Amino acid sequence: MSKDIGRRDFFRNSAGLLGAGVALYPRAGEPRAPEGSPGVRPEAGPYPVKWYPFTEHPDSDTCWSLSVGPDGRIYAGACAESVPGGVVKVVRYNEQKDGLDFLFSVDKVVDDPWDSGRATQCKIHYSFAPSMHDGILYMATHLSGPPYDQPIYSPWHSWHDARRCFRGSALIAFDTRTDEVKWWDTLIPKEGCRCLLHDEERGLLYALSYPRDHFIIFDIRKRTRRDVGRLGSINSQALFLDRKHRVWTTNDYGQLVRYDPEKDRLELSPVTLPHKGEFQTGWHSVFYDVVGAPGGECVYAVTWIANPWMMRIWPNEGEWPKVEDLGPVTQKRDPSVSVNTFIDHCGGLTVGGDGQIYYVASRWRDPVYNPMPAPQKEREGVVWRLDPATLRREEVSTLQHPSDFAQYVSRGAVDHRGDLFFGHVGSHPSGIFKVEMPADRKRENAHLPIRMWG
């Protein structure tokens, strides 16, 4: 598992941001599904699922980033962050051979070798960002992998150690038309990139840094970087863009934060986003994943880890957006019993060729609320479909890993033919899942309009 997830932060929130409130609305349509049964089972059989391990990178232990490229093909980061000297390799799904092509090892193309003695270029973390006009797929690296001769790495401990400190997040421009790395640069010195967004019309990349949790703007044409300021102590896992070119994220108290380029400042809403009010305050309810709905007027978002919550946000409406509370996405559980927070998870939001929202949520055995039949594994990843018109949720398939659990999905995407793909975290080697969609739910160029953030 990622070493920076669940890590205690040693900084207090000092963002000092200004802003107004955010309106919270109950979701429209049918009543919210009760916890423990957040949707309905399929009437037809489940969609076929296939597992593709990163066999050519046996040290890989996570796949934090998966995205469709500007060419309509699926790209993924085969990360190796628990192995001293581990590096990330970029992988692409090859539909002709129904397998994976390993394109390059990041440490080699950015001249930061695995045995340098520094913390390594070990992963790409929610940081693929396509460029449609020139076929470029941007990607930025993250940290956590220890040097080749050390068991672990701490960015705080090594911050002033020039020999051991992480060199910095490497930004790579990969040409999907020629399969060449056109150029690379250092995006954030000493820090990793938690997530990346591309505003193609303005030629800007936006990023969140780790561990300092700063908001970064990179001008692609000028190759210049600007640090706008700090958000807090706990990184959001996602950024998204609205029609006014404003960039949205959250801080560690579960509040919406936006960057308005016209004002050139960060603004904060003091109202906490929907969360499990029974025993949560909203602290740490940062975005985990966000996907734009068909039409571009709203987004669907889920929060990060432990009682993940779904919401629909209308960023183009009003001074601050309307937020609809869509409720929990995983089952109810006994809060008096300690569980690993990685069991209770939701991710992989994507829009299918049928215009429906798809995502993967955990299901597990619980001593009180037990939705799983006894013969099954202790936990599994359930693929759900959400109808944007009715907000009805339906289970369409279950991810099955041949030897491990499959409940933790990082990111999802749909390729140009309309099949779904999901990145998997937790196995060794790691890999990706493909969910084959029925013909009546496919369309050509199903990946368009393309998602511009990781």
Protein backbone atom coordinates (compact mmCIF):
# COMPACT_ATOMS: atom_id res chain seq x y z
CA MET A 1 0.00 0.00 0.00
CA SER A 2 1.02 3.61 -0.47
CA LYS A 3 3.26 4.79 2.35
CA ASP A 4 1.90 8.33 2.32
CA ILE A 5 -1.74 7.22 2.68
CA GLY A 6 -2.71 7.13 6.33
CA ARG A 7 0.58 8.82 7.30
CA ARG A 8 0.36 11.32 10.15
CA ASP A 9 0.92 14.85 8.97
CA PHE A 10 3.08 17.18 11.04
CA PHE A 11 1.77 20.51 9.85
CA ARG A 12 -1.29 22.42 10.97
CA ASN A 13 -3.71 23.95 8.50
CA SER A 14 -2.55 27.48 7.76
CA ALA A 15 -4.08 28.13 4.37
CA GLY A 16 -5.69 31.44 5.37
CA LEU A 17 -8.12 31.25 2.45
CA LEU A 18 -11.14 33.45 1.95
CA GLY A 19 -14.52 32.64 0.50
CA ALA A 20 -18.23 32.18 0.98
CA GLY A 21 -20.44 29.17 1.69
CA VAL A 22 -21.57 26.25 -0.40
CA ALA A 23 -25.25 25.31 -0.68
CA LEU A 24 -26.09 21.73 0.30
CA TYR A 25 -29.13 20.08 -1.22
CA PRO A 26 -30.62 16.62 -0.75
CA ARG A 27 -30.50 14.61 -3.91
CA ALA A 28 -33.43 14.79 -6.27
CA GLY A 29 -35.56 11.85 -7.33
CA GLU A 30 -36.00 8.63 -5.40
CA PRO A 31 -35.08 8.35 -1.70
CA ARG A 32 -31.48 7.58 -0.89
CA ALA A 33 -30.68 3.87 -0.80
CA PRO A 34 -30.09 2.60 2.74
CA GLU A 35 -26.56 1.75 3.79
CA GLY A 36 -25.79 -1.91 3.29
CA SER A 37 -27.72 -1.96 0.01
CA PRO A 38 -26.67 1.15 -1.98
CA GLY A 39 -28.33 -0.13 -5.15
CA VAL A 40 -29.99 -3.13 -6.75
CA ARG A 41 -28.60 -6.38 -8.10
CA PRO A 42 -28.59 -6.94 -11.87
CA GLU A 43 -31.38 -8.89 -13.49
CA ALA A 44 -29.04 -10.15 -16.22
CA GLY A 45 -25.71 -11.83 -15.60
CA PRO A 46 -22.63 -9.79 -14.66
CA TYR A 47 -20.47 -8.21 -17.34
CA PRO A 48 -17.33 -10.25 -18.14
CA VAL A 49 -14.19 -9.19 -16.25
CA LYS A 50 -10.58 -9.91 -17.17
CA TRP A 51 -7.40 -9.34 -15.12
CA TYR A 52 -4.15 -8.09 -16.72
CA PRO A 53 -1.16 -8.30 -14.34
CA PHE A 54 1.98 -6.23 -14.81
CA THR A 55 4.04 -9.35 -15.44
CA GLU A 56 6.90 -7.47 -17.09
CA HIS A 57 7.29 -5.38 -13.93
CA PRO A 58 7.17 -8.01 -11.13
CA ASP A 59 8.16 -5.44 -8.48
CA SER A 60 4.98 -3.45 -9.12
CA ASP A 61 2.70 -3.26 -6.10
CA THR A 62 0.17 -0.54 -7.00
CA CYS A 63 -1.57 1.04 -9.97
CA TRP A 64 -2.50 4.50 -8.77
CA SER A 65 -3.19 6.04 -12.14
CA LEU A 66 -5.13 4.80 -15.15
CA SER A 67 -6.44 7.00 -17.92
CA VAL A 68 -7.59 7.03 -21.50
CA GLY A 69 -5.13 8.86 -23.71
CA PRO A 70 -5.91 11.37 -26.47
CA ASP A 71 -5.69 8.39 -28.87
CA GLY A 72 -8.55 6.57 -27.14
CA ARG A 73 -6.27 3.88 -25.71
CA ILE A 74 -5.82 2.98 -22.05
CA TYR A 75 -2.64 3.96 -20.18
CA ALA A 76 -1.62 2.96 -16.66
CA GLY A 77 1.24 3.44 -14.23
CA ALA A 78 2.82 0.20 -12.99
CA CYS A 79 4.16 1.55 -9.69
CA ALA A 80 6.71 -0.01 -7.33
CA GLU A 81 6.78 1.98 -4.10
CA SER A 82 7.36 -0.68 -1.42
CA VAL A 83 10.59 -1.99 -2.96
CA PRO A 84 13.86 -0.12 -2.31
CA GLY A 85 14.87 1.37 -5.63
CA GLY A 86 11.43 0.73 -7.12
CA VAL A 87 10.37 2.68 -10.21
CA VAL A 88 7.21 3.25 -12.22
CA LYS A 89 6.76 1.97 -15.76
CA VAL A 90 4.16 3.28 -18.19
CA VAL A 91 1.86 0.62 -19.65
CA ARG A 92 -0.70 0.68 -22.46
CA TYR A 93 -3.47 -1.79 -23.22
CA ASN A 94 -3.05 -3.33 -26.70
CA GLU A 95 -6.47 -4.30 -28.04
CA GLN A 96 -5.02 -6.23 -31.01
CA LYS A 97 -3.23 -8.73 -28.77
CA ASP A 98 -5.57 -8.28 -25.79
CA GLY A 99 -2.57 -7.64 -23.55
CA LEU A 100 -0.28 -4.97 -22.17
CA ASP A 101 2.61 -3.11 -23.80
CA PHE A 102 5.29 -1.77 -21.46
CA LEU A 103 6.31 1.55 -23.03
CA PHE A 104 9.14 2.88 -20.86
CA SER A 105 10.60 3.07 -17.38
CA VAL A 106 10.26 6.60 -16.04
CA ASP A 107 13.59 6.67 -14.19
CA LYS A 108 15.43 6.20 -17.48
CA VAL A 109 13.66 8.87 -19.52
CA VAL A 110 14.03 11.54 -16.80
CA ASP A 111 17.64 10.65 -15.94
CA ASP A 112 16.91 9.78 -12.30
CA PRO A 113 18.12 6.18 -12.03
CA TRP A 114 16.78 3.72 -9.48
CA ASP A 115 20.21 3.33 -7.82
CA SER A 116 21.01 7.04 -7.47
CA GLY A 117 20.75 6.88 -3.68
CA ARG A 118 17.79 9.29 -3.71
CA ALA A 119 14.14 8.51 -3.21
CA THR A 120 12.95 7.05 -6.49
CA GLN A 121 10.56 7.93 -9.30
CA CYS A 122 8.32 5.15 -8.05
CA LYS A 123 4.78 6.08 -9.11
CA ILE A 124 2.37 8.20 -11.12
CA HIS A 125 -0.41 9.18 -8.77
CA TYR A 126 -3.69 10.40 -10.36
CA SER A 127 -1.52 12.39 -12.74
CA PHE A 128 -2.26 11.50 -16.35
CA ALA A 129 -3.61 14.48 -18.28
CA PRO A 130 -4.34 14.34 -22.05
CA SER A 131 -3.80 17.03 -24.68
CA MET A 132 -6.18 16.54 -27.61
CA HIS A 133 -4.77 18.99 -30.16
CA ASP A 134 -1.31 17.40 -30.36
CA GLY A 135 -1.80 13.86 -29.03
CA ILE A 136 0.35 14.43 -25.96
CA LEU A 137 -0.34 12.59 -22.71
CA TYR A 138 1.15 14.51 -19.78
CA MET A 139 2.10 12.61 -16.65
CA ALA A 140 3.76 13.59 -13.39
CA THR A 141 5.48 11.43 -10.79
CA HIS A 142 4.96 11.11 -7.06
CA LEU A 143 7.18 10.03 -4.19
CA SER A 144 7.29 7.40 -1.42
CA GLY A 145 9.67 4.78 -2.82
CA PRO A 146 12.84 4.45 -0.70
CA PRO A 147 16.37 4.66 -2.07
CA TYR A 148 17.83 1.38 -3.29
CA ASP A 149 19.79 0.89 -0.03
CA GLN A 150 17.17 2.00 2.52
CA PRO A 151 14.02 0.21 3.74
CA ILE A 152 11.74 3.28 3.86
CA TYR A 153 11.71 6.93 2.87
CA SER A 154 10.48 9.95 4.83
CA PRO A 155 10.23 13.21 2.88
CA TRP A 156 10.36 15.20 6.13
CA HIS A 157 13.43 13.45 7.49
CA SER A 158 15.29 13.78 4.19
CA TRP A 159 14.10 17.24 3.18
CA HIS A 160 17.51 18.89 3.67
CA ASP A 161 19.57 15.86 2.70
CA ALA A 162 20.80 16.60 -0.83
CA ARG A 163 22.02 13.01 -1.20
CA ARG A 164 18.74 11.32 -0.19
CA CYS A 165 15.99 13.85 -0.86
CA PHE A 166 13.54 13.17 -3.68
CA ARG A 167 14.73 15.15 -6.69
CA GLY A 168 11.21 16.26 -7.49
CA SER A 169 8.11 15.38 -9.45
CA ALA A 170 9.05 14.76 -13.06
CA LEU A 171 6.63 16.07 -15.69
CA ILE A 172 6.70 14.04 -18.91
CA ALA A 173 5.17 14.89 -22.29
CA PHE A 174 4.57 11.58 -24.11
CA ASP A 175 3.52 11.71 -27.76
CA THR A 176 0.89 9.00 -28.27
CA ARG A 177 1.17 9.38 -32.05
CA THR A 178 4.87 8.50 -32.23
CA ASP A 179 5.39 6.74 -28.86
CA GLU A 180 8.16 9.20 -28.00
CA VAL A 181 8.88 11.24 -24.91
CA LYS A 182 8.99 14.74 -26.42
CA TRP A 183 10.34 16.45 -23.31
CA TRP A 184 10.41 16.32 -19.55
CA ASP A 185 10.90 18.86 -16.78
CA THR A 186 10.85 19.07 -13.01
CA LEU A 187 7.32 20.01 -12.03
CA ILE A 188 7.78 20.39 -8.24
CA PRO A 189 11.26 20.29 -6.69
CA LYS A 190 11.64 17.91 -3.69
CA GLU A 191 7.92 17.06 -3.73
CA GLY A 192 5.62 14.61 -5.45
CA CYS A 193 2.55 15.39 -7.53
CA ARG A 194 -0.59 14.03 -5.94
CA CYS A 195 -2.88 14.87 -8.87
CA LEU A 196 -2.74 16.72 -12.18
CA LEU A 197 -5.20 18.66 -14.38
CA HIS A 198 -4.82 20.12 -17.88
CA ASP A 199 -6.59 23.30 -18.97
CA GLU A 200 -5.88 22.79 -22.66
CA GLU A 201 -7.46 26.03 -23.83
CA ARG A 202 -5.10 28.08 -21.67
CA GLY A 203 -2.09 25.79 -21.88
CA LEU A 204 -1.83 25.30 -18.12
CA LEU A 205 -1.27 22.30 -15.87
CA TYR A 206 -2.49 22.39 -12.28
CA ALA A 207 -1.11 20.15 -9.55
CA LEU A 208 -1.19 19.51 -5.80
CA SER A 209 2.14 18.88 -4.13
CA TYR A 210 2.97 16.34 -1.44
CA PRO A 211 3.91 16.57 1.39
CA ARG A 212 3.42 20.36 1.69
CA ASP A 213 0.00 20.38 0.00
CA HIS A 214 0.62 23.41 -2.21
CA PHE A 215 -1.35 24.45 -5.29
CA ILE A 216 0.95 24.60 -8.32
CA ILE A 217 0.41 26.12 -11.80
CA PHE A 218 2.69 25.12 -14.69
CA ASP A 219 2.70 27.08 -17.95
CA ILE A 220 3.39 24.53 -20.69
CA ARG A 221 4.59 26.97 -23.35
CA LYS A 222 6.90 28.92 -21.05
CA ARG A 223 7.88 25.89 -18.95
CA THR A 224 7.48 27.95 -15.80
CA ARG A 225 6.06 26.97 -12.43
CA ARG A 226 4.18 29.10 -9.93
CA ASP A 227 3.26 28.20 -6.36
CA VAL A 228 -0.07 29.83 -5.48
CA GLY A 229 -0.22 28.74 -1.86
CA ARG A 230 -0.95 26.03 0.65
CA LEU A 231 -4.29 24.29 1.07
CA GLY A 232 -3.76 22.41 4.32
CA SER A 233 -2.14 19.27 5.65
CA ILE A 234 -3.95 16.41 3.94
CA ASN A 235 -3.94 16.30 0.16
CA SER A 236 -7.06 16.05 -1.85
CA GLN A 237 -6.75 13.27 -4.41
CA ALA A 238 -8.43 15.11 -7.27
CA LEU A 239 -8.82 18.41 -9.11
CA PHE A 240 -11.52 19.31 -11.61
CA LEU A 241 -12.22 22.17 -14.03
CA ASP A 242 -15.44 24.08 -14.70
CA ARG A 243 -16.62 26.05 -17.74
CA LYS A 244 -15.17 29.29 -16.35
CA HIS A 245 -11.70 27.70 -16.16
CA ARG A 246 -11.85 27.64 -12.38
CA VAL A 247 -10.08 24.73 -10.71
CA TRP A 248 -11.79 22.95 -7.82
CA THR A 249 -10.56 20.70 -5.04
CA THR A 250 -11.02 20.24 -1.28
CA ASN A 251 -9.03 20.87 1.86
CA ASP A 252 -8.51 18.54 4.81
CA TYR A 253 -11.70 19.71 6.53
CA GLY A 254 -13.91 18.62 3.66
CA GLN A 255 -14.51 22.11 2.30
CA LEU A 256 -14.55 23.10 -1.35
CA VAL A 257 -11.55 25.11 -2.48
CA ARG A 258 -11.33 26.77 -5.87
CA TYR A 259 -8.75 28.69 -7.82
CA ASP A 260 -10.21 31.49 -9.93
CA PRO A 261 -7.72 32.57 -12.65
CA GLU A 262 -9.52 35.89 -13.09
CA LYS A 263 -8.88 36.74 -9.44
CA ASP A 264 -5.64 34.76 -9.26
CA ARG A 265 -6.36 33.49 -5.80
CA LEU A 266 -7.61 30.49 -3.86
CA GLU A 267 -11.06 30.76 -2.30
CA LEU A 268 -12.52 28.59 0.44
CA SER A 269 -16.07 27.64 1.33
CA PRO A 270 -16.54 27.21 5.11
CA VAL A 271 -19.35 24.66 4.70
CA THR A 272 -18.36 21.01 5.03
CA LEU A 273 -19.34 18.69 2.20
CA PRO A 274 -21.68 15.72 2.80
CA HIS A 275 -20.25 12.98 5.01
CA LYS A 276 -21.37 10.37 7.52
CA GLY A 277 -22.80 12.57 10.25
CA GLU A 278 -23.31 9.65 12.65
CA PHE A 279 -19.70 9.74 13.77
CA GLN A 280 -17.76 11.95 11.34
CA THR A 281 -17.12 15.68 11.32
CA GLY A 282 -16.03 15.96 7.70
CA TRP A 283 -12.35 16.12 8.60
CA HIS A 284 -10.28 14.21 6.04
CA SER A 285 -13.29 14.03 3.68
CA VAL A 286 -11.22 15.17 0.75
CA PHE A 287 -12.07 14.29 -2.86
CA TYR A 288 -10.84 10.89 -3.92
CA ASP A 289 -12.23 10.81 -7.43
CA VAL A 290 -14.27 13.16 -9.63
CA VAL A 291 -15.78 12.64 -13.07
CA GLY A 292 -17.57 15.14 -15.30
CA ALA A 293 -21.12 14.21 -16.25
CA PRO A 294 -22.33 14.15 -19.87
CA GLY A 295 -23.01 17.73 -20.91
CA GLY A 296 -20.36 19.20 -18.65
CA GLU A 297 -22.68 21.04 -16.27
CA CYS A 298 -22.00 18.93 -13.20
CA VAL A 299 -19.53 16.45 -11.73
CA TYR A 300 -19.88 13.35 -9.58
CA ALA A 301 -17.40 13.00 -6.73
CA VAL A 302 -16.59 10.55 -3.95
CA THR A 303 -14.59 11.17 -0.80
CA TRP A 304 -11.43 9.39 0.24
CA ILE A 305 -11.37 6.22 2.29
CA ALA A 306 -13.47 5.13 5.27
CA ASN A 307 -17.20 5.70 4.74
CA PRO A 308 -16.84 7.18 1.25
CA TRP A 309 -19.68 9.48 0.26
CA MET A 310 -20.98 10.44 -3.16
CA MET A 311 -22.18 13.85 -4.23
CA ARG A 312 -23.16 15.72 -7.38
CA ILE A 313 -21.80 19.23 -7.76
CA TRP A 314 -22.97 21.98 -10.13
CA PRO A 315 -19.95 24.33 -10.27
CA ASN A 316 -21.36 26.60 -12.98
CA GLU A 317 -24.44 27.59 -10.95
CA GLY A 318 -24.43 30.56 -8.59
CA GLU A 319 -21.66 32.16 -6.59
CA TRP A 320 -20.99 28.81 -4.91
CA PRO A 321 -22.25 25.56 -6.40
CA LYS A 322 -25.25 23.47 -5.60
CA VAL A 323 -24.15 20.21 -3.97
CA GLU A 324 -26.47 17.21 -3.93
CA ASP A 325 -25.94 14.60 -1.25
CA LEU A 326 -26.10 11.18 -2.96
CA GLY A 327 -25.30 9.28 0.19
CA PRO A 328 -22.95 6.40 1.03
CA VAL A 329 -21.43 4.19 -1.64
CA THR A 330 -20.41 1.31 0.61
CA GLN A 331 -22.26 -0.76 3.17
CA LYS A 332 -23.10 0.04 6.74
CA ARG A 333 -20.62 -1.37 9.25
CA ASP A 334 -20.23 -1.75 12.98
CA PRO A 335 -18.20 1.32 14.07
CA SER A 336 -17.17 -0.37 17.33
CA VAL A 337 -15.09 -2.92 15.41
CA SER A 338 -11.76 -1.78 14.02
CA VAL A 339 -11.19 -2.46 10.34
CA ASN A 340 -8.48 -1.53 7.90
CA THR A 341 -9.66 1.65 6.22
CA PHE A 342 -8.54 0.30 2.83
CA ILE A 343 -11.45 -2.16 3.00
CA ASP A 344 -14.02 0.65 2.93
CA HIS A 345 -13.32 2.37 -0.37
CA CYS A 346 -14.77 3.74 -3.61
CA GLY A 347 -12.99 4.83 -6.78
CA GLY A 348 -12.77 4.44 -10.53
CA LEU A 349 -15.48 6.93 -11.50
CA THR A 350 -15.96 7.08 -15.25
CA VAL A 351 -18.67 7.76 -17.83
CA GLY A 352 -19.57 4.86 -20.12
CA GLY A 353 -20.49 5.06 -23.78
CA ASP A 354 -24.12 4.81 -22.66
CA GLY A 355 -23.85 8.08 -20.69
CA GLN A 356 -24.08 6.29 -17.33
CA ILE A 357 -21.69 6.75 -14.41
CA TYR A 358 -19.66 3.67 -13.43
CA TYR A 359 -17.56 3.16 -10.32
CA VAL A 360 -16.17 0.43 -8.05
CA ALA A 361 -17.05 0.19 -4.35
CA SER A 362 -15.96 -2.23 -1.64
CA ARG A 363 -18.16 -4.95 -0.21
CA TRP A 364 -17.03 -7.01 2.76
CA ARG A 365 -18.14 -9.26 5.60
CA ASP A 366 -19.13 -7.44 8.76
CA PRO A 367 -19.93 -8.98 12.16
CA VAL A 368 -23.23 -7.08 12.34
CA TYR A 369 -24.09 -5.96 8.81
CA ASN A 370 -23.08 -8.89 6.61
CA PRO A 371 -24.11 -8.54 2.95
CA MET A 372 -21.73 -11.16 1.52
CA PRO A 373 -22.49 -14.87 1.13
CA ALA A 374 -20.13 -17.05 3.17
CA PRO A 375 -18.40 -18.85 0.25
CA GLN A 376 -17.09 -15.57 -1.19
CA LYS A 377 -13.86 -13.82 -0.30
CA GLU A 378 -13.87 -11.55 2.72
CA ARG A 379 -14.06 -8.51 0.47
CA GLU A 380 -14.64 -7.70 -3.18
CA GLY A 381 -14.90 -4.81 -5.59
CA VAL A 382 -18.38 -4.26 -6.98
CA VAL A 383 -18.87 -2.42 -10.27
CA TRP A 384 -21.91 -0.14 -10.03
CA ARG A 385 -23.83 1.83 -12.64
CA LEU A 386 -25.51 5.11 -11.69
CA ASP A 387 -28.19 6.61 -13.93
CA PRO A 388 -27.75 10.42 -13.96
CA ALA A 389 -31.43 10.92 -14.81
CA THR A 390 -32.92 8.87 -11.97
CA LEU A 391 -29.90 8.40 -9.66
CA ARG A 392 -30.78 4.71 -9.56
CA ARG A 393 -27.80 2.46 -8.83
CA GLU A 394 -27.42 -1.02 -10.22
CA GLU A 395 -24.70 -3.61 -9.65
CA VAL A 396 -23.33 -4.79 -13.00
CA SER A 397 -20.32 -6.94 -12.13
CA THR A 398 -17.75 -7.94 -9.52
CA LEU A 399 -14.00 -7.67 -9.90
CA GLN A 400 -12.32 -11.01 -9.26
CA HIS A 401 -8.59 -11.23 -8.64
CA PRO A 402 -7.03 -14.68 -9.13
CA SER A 403 -5.12 -14.67 -5.84
CA ASP A 404 -5.83 -11.48 -3.91
CA PHE A 405 -8.59 -9.08 -2.96
CA ALA A 406 -9.92 -6.68 -5.57
CA GLN A 407 -11.81 -4.06 -3.59
CA TYR A 408 -9.37 -1.16 -3.94
CA VAL A 409 -9.68 0.55 -7.33
CA SER A 410 -7.76 3.76 -7.91
CA ARG A 411 -9.02 5.12 -11.23
CA GLY A 412 -11.30 4.07 -14.06
CA ALA A 413 -11.60 4.93 -17.74
CA VAL A 414 -13.49 3.92 -20.87
CA ASP A 415 -11.58 3.29 -24.09
CA HIS A 416 -12.60 4.38 -27.60
CA ARG A 417 -14.53 1.12 -28.10
CA GLY A 418 -16.58 1.53 -24.92
CA ASP A 419 -15.08 -1.05 -22.53
CA LEU A 420 -14.31 -0.12 -18.93
CA PHE A 421 -10.87 -0.35 -17.31
CA PHE A 422 -9.91 -0.03 -13.66
CA GLY A 423 -6.53 0.32 -11.93
CA HIS A 424 -5.94 -2.02 -8.98
CA VAL A 425 -4.02 -1.40 -5.76
CA GLY A 426 -2.83 -4.11 -3.39
CA SER A 427 -1.52 -7.11 -5.33
CA HIS A 428 2.02 -8.06 -6.30
CA PRO A 429 2.44 -7.63 -9.19
CA SER A 430 -0.34 -5.14 -9.61
CA GLY A 431 -2.38 -4.71 -12.76
CA ILE A 432 -5.62 -3.56 -14.33
CA PHE A 433 -9.11 -4.94 -14.84
CA LYS A 434 -11.12 -4.82 -18.04
CA VAL A 435 -14.92 -4.97 -17.87
CA GLU A 436 -16.41 -5.85 -21.24
CA MET A 437 -19.54 -3.85 -21.91
CA PRO A 438 -22.52 -5.25 -23.83
CA ALA A 439 -22.84 -4.10 -27.44
CA ASP A 440 -25.91 -1.98 -26.80
CA ARG A 441 -23.97 0.09 -24.24
CA LYS A 442 -20.99 0.77 -26.48
CA ARG A 443 -20.37 3.44 -29.11
CA GLU A 444 -17.46 4.57 -31.21
CA ASN A 445 -15.24 7.15 -29.52
CA ALA A 446 -16.90 6.38 -26.21
CA HIS A 447 -14.02 8.14 -24.43
CA LEU A 448 -15.14 11.54 -25.76
CA PRO A 449 -15.46 14.10 -24.32
CA ILE A 450 -12.22 13.11 -22.64
CA ARG A 451 -11.47 13.58 -18.96
CA MET A 452 -8.79 16.27 -18.52
CA TRP A 453 -7.61 15.35 -15.04
CA GLY A 454 -6.06 12.30 -13.39
